[in-house]
Protein backbone atom coordinates (compact mmCIF):
# COMPACT_ATOMS: atom_id res chain seq x y z
CA MET A 1 85.45 101.32 -43.67
CA SER A 2 83.92 98.36 -45.41
CA ALA A 3 80.56 96.87 -44.56
CA ILE A 4 82.32 93.75 -43.26
CA LEU A 5 84.36 95.67 -40.71
CA ASP A 6 81.43 97.87 -39.71
CA ARG A 7 79.17 94.89 -38.99
CA PRO A 8 81.33 91.79 -38.34
CA ALA A 9 78.42 89.91 -36.77
CA SER A 10 76.58 89.95 -40.09
CA VAL A 11 79.36 87.89 -41.72
CA LEU A 12 79.09 84.92 -39.37
CA PRO A 13 75.89 82.91 -38.99
CA SER A 14 74.09 82.98 -35.69
CA ARG A 15 74.12 79.81 -33.60
CA PHE A 16 70.55 79.18 -34.73
CA GLY A 17 71.57 79.69 -38.38
CA TYR A 18 74.48 77.32 -37.88
CA LEU A 19 72.11 74.71 -36.38
CA MET A 20 69.75 74.99 -39.36
CA GLY A 21 72.76 74.51 -41.65
CA LEU A 22 73.70 71.35 -39.70
CA TYR A 23 70.14 70.05 -40.12
CA SER A 24 70.41 70.56 -43.89
CA GLU A 25 73.81 68.91 -44.07
CA ASN A 26 72.60 66.00 -41.93
CA HIS A 27 69.67 65.50 -44.31
CA ALA A 28 71.99 65.44 -47.32
CA ARG A 29 74.42 63.00 -45.66
CA LEU A 30 71.65 60.70 -44.40
CA SER A 31 69.89 60.73 -47.78
CA ARG A 32 73.11 59.86 -49.63
CA LEU A 33 74.08 57.23 -47.08
CA PHE A 34 70.89 55.23 -46.47
CA ALA A 35 68.02 57.02 -48.31
CA PRO A 36 65.58 56.34 -45.43
CA GLN A 37 62.85 58.36 -47.16
CA ARG A 38 62.65 55.52 -49.72
CA LEU A 39 62.46 52.73 -47.11
CA GLU A 40 59.44 51.11 -45.52
CA SER A 41 59.06 51.11 -41.74
CA GLY A 42 61.17 48.41 -40.16
CA HIS A 43 64.65 47.49 -38.99
CA TYR A 44 67.69 47.54 -41.26
CA VAL A 45 71.32 46.53 -40.77
CA SER A 46 74.34 47.77 -42.71
CA ASP A 47 77.51 45.67 -42.64
CA PRO A 48 80.15 46.62 -45.19
CA GLY A 49 82.34 43.76 -43.98
CA ASP A 50 84.28 45.57 -41.26
CA GLY A 51 82.51 43.61 -38.51
CA ILE A 52 80.74 46.66 -37.08
CA GLU A 53 77.06 46.60 -37.92
CA VAL A 54 74.99 49.76 -38.04
CA HIS A 55 71.33 49.36 -37.16
CA MET A 56 68.68 51.73 -38.46
CA THR A 57 65.02 51.50 -37.56
CA VAL A 58 62.45 53.49 -39.49
CA GLN A 59 60.04 53.93 -36.58
CA THR A 60 57.30 56.17 -37.92
CA ARG A 61 56.47 57.53 -41.34
CA HIS A 62 54.26 60.58 -41.72
CA ARG A 63 53.55 62.56 -44.87
CA TYR A 64 56.61 64.82 -44.51
CA THR A 65 58.40 63.38 -41.49
CA LEU A 66 60.29 60.20 -40.64
CA GLU A 67 61.36 59.14 -37.17
CA LEU A 68 64.46 56.94 -37.12
CA ASP A 69 66.79 55.26 -34.68
CA LEU A 70 70.42 54.82 -35.67
CA SER A 71 72.87 52.76 -33.61
CA TYR A 72 75.63 50.23 -33.62
CA GLY A 73 74.85 46.65 -32.60
CA PHE A 74 76.64 47.13 -29.26
CA ILE A 75 74.55 46.78 -26.11
CA ASP A 76 75.30 49.03 -23.13
CA ASP A 77 75.72 46.87 -20.01
CA ARG A 78 74.19 49.58 -17.79
CA THR A 79 71.04 50.31 -19.81
CA GLY A 80 70.66 47.16 -21.93
CA LEU A 81 70.12 49.41 -24.96
CA PRO A 82 72.17 49.87 -28.14
CA THR A 83 74.97 52.40 -27.87
CA PRO A 84 75.96 54.76 -29.31
CA SER A 85 72.58 55.56 -30.70
CA ALA A 86 70.66 58.55 -31.95
CA GLN A 87 66.99 59.24 -32.36
CA LEU A 88 66.47 61.19 -35.55
CA ARG A 89 63.70 63.14 -37.16
CA MET A 90 63.91 63.67 -40.92
CA TYR A 91 61.79 66.39 -42.51
CA THR A 92 61.48 65.38 -46.17
CA ASP A 93 59.71 68.57 -47.31
CA ALA A 94 62.20 70.94 -45.63
CA ARG A 95 65.19 68.66 -46.43
CA GLN A 96 66.40 68.70 -42.85
CA ALA A 97 67.33 65.95 -40.41
CA GLU A 98 67.89 66.46 -36.71
CA ALA A 99 69.23 64.29 -33.95
CA TRP A 100 66.87 65.07 -31.13
CA HIS A 101 68.26 62.61 -28.62
CA CYS A 102 71.46 60.58 -28.22
CA GLU A 103 71.24 59.20 -24.69
CA PRO A 104 69.77 55.68 -24.63
CA GLY A 105 67.81 54.88 -21.51
CA ARG A 106 67.35 58.53 -20.54
CA HIS A 107 64.58 60.94 -21.42
CA LEU A 108 65.42 64.40 -22.69
CA TRP A 109 64.17 66.04 -19.49
CA GLN A 110 66.60 63.86 -17.50
CA VAL A 111 69.49 65.15 -19.63
CA LEU A 112 68.54 68.84 -19.69
CA GLY A 113 66.48 69.19 -16.53
CA PRO A 114 62.75 69.86 -16.21
CA PHE A 115 62.76 73.52 -17.34
CA PRO A 116 65.92 74.17 -19.38
CA LYS A 117 66.79 77.64 -20.62
CA ALA A 118 66.54 78.21 -24.37
CA SER A 119 70.32 78.56 -24.58
CA THR A 120 70.73 75.14 -22.91
CA VAL A 121 68.37 73.53 -25.42
CA LEU A 122 70.19 75.21 -28.32
CA GLN A 123 73.59 74.02 -27.02
CA HIS A 124 72.23 70.48 -26.63
CA ARG A 125 70.88 70.49 -30.19
CA LEU A 126 74.20 71.82 -31.52
CA ARG A 127 76.11 69.02 -29.72
CA MET A 128 73.74 66.26 -30.84
CA ASN A 129 73.66 67.39 -34.46
CA SER A 130 77.40 67.99 -34.67
CA PHE A 131 77.80 64.42 -33.37
CA LEU A 132 75.36 63.12 -35.99
CA ASN A 133 77.12 65.01 -38.76
CA ARG A 134 80.52 63.55 -37.88
CA TRP A 135 79.05 60.07 -37.35
CA LEU A 136 77.34 60.03 -40.77
CA GLU A 137 80.60 61.16 -42.41
CA TYR A 138 82.48 58.40 -40.58
CA LEU A 139 79.94 55.74 -41.59
CA SER A 140 80.26 56.78 -45.22
CA GLU A 141 84.06 56.56 -45.01
CA GLN A 142 83.75 53.05 -43.54
CA GLY A 143 81.75 51.86 -46.57
CA HIS A 144 78.21 51.93 -45.20
CA SER A 145 75.62 52.75 -47.85
CA ILE A 146 72.18 51.93 -49.17
CA GLY A 147 73.92 49.03 -50.94
CA THR A 148 75.03 47.47 -47.64
CA LEU A 149 71.64 47.97 -45.97
CA GLN A 150 69.39 44.92 -45.49
CA ARG A 151 65.99 44.69 -43.86
CA ILE A 152 65.81 42.19 -41.00
CA ASP A 153 63.53 41.03 -38.22
CA VAL A 154 65.10 42.27 -35.01
CA PRO A 155 64.95 41.00 -31.45
CA THR A 156 63.31 43.45 -29.07
CA ARG A 157 66.55 43.94 -27.10
CA LEU A 158 68.22 45.64 -30.07
CA ARG A 159 65.54 48.28 -30.49
CA CYS A 160 66.59 51.72 -29.35
CA ARG A 161 63.38 52.64 -27.56
């Protein structure tokens, strides 16, 4: 028999390996779309003319890490926060970007519980980062880009946190 048939699990990536691949792909998509690693801290809006603004806030810049919020300009009536939205962490040295939270108005422990199992955390990260991957692809298809991004002063109510 061939090595592939003898060890079929070695052909497919593990869920953790798949997640790391998503992080890499998210970094590439985010870098091509908005190049946040080149932006100063602040709030930016992208409007390619379709009437649906995308808001991005570069929250914190560290030597190798950026913390970002990405959302539409829609405000959720229940929470008063932008929705949908994602809190992102971009690792510039490792070329990875992860969505670590996508539930405005709720803390991670409220979503997963106080002591989640490792498999629960992994599943949550897979869902959030699959969502981010599809969303970044969609934004690109709609014409959003670094060319449509403008820095603005933003009212407090539109901030994701």
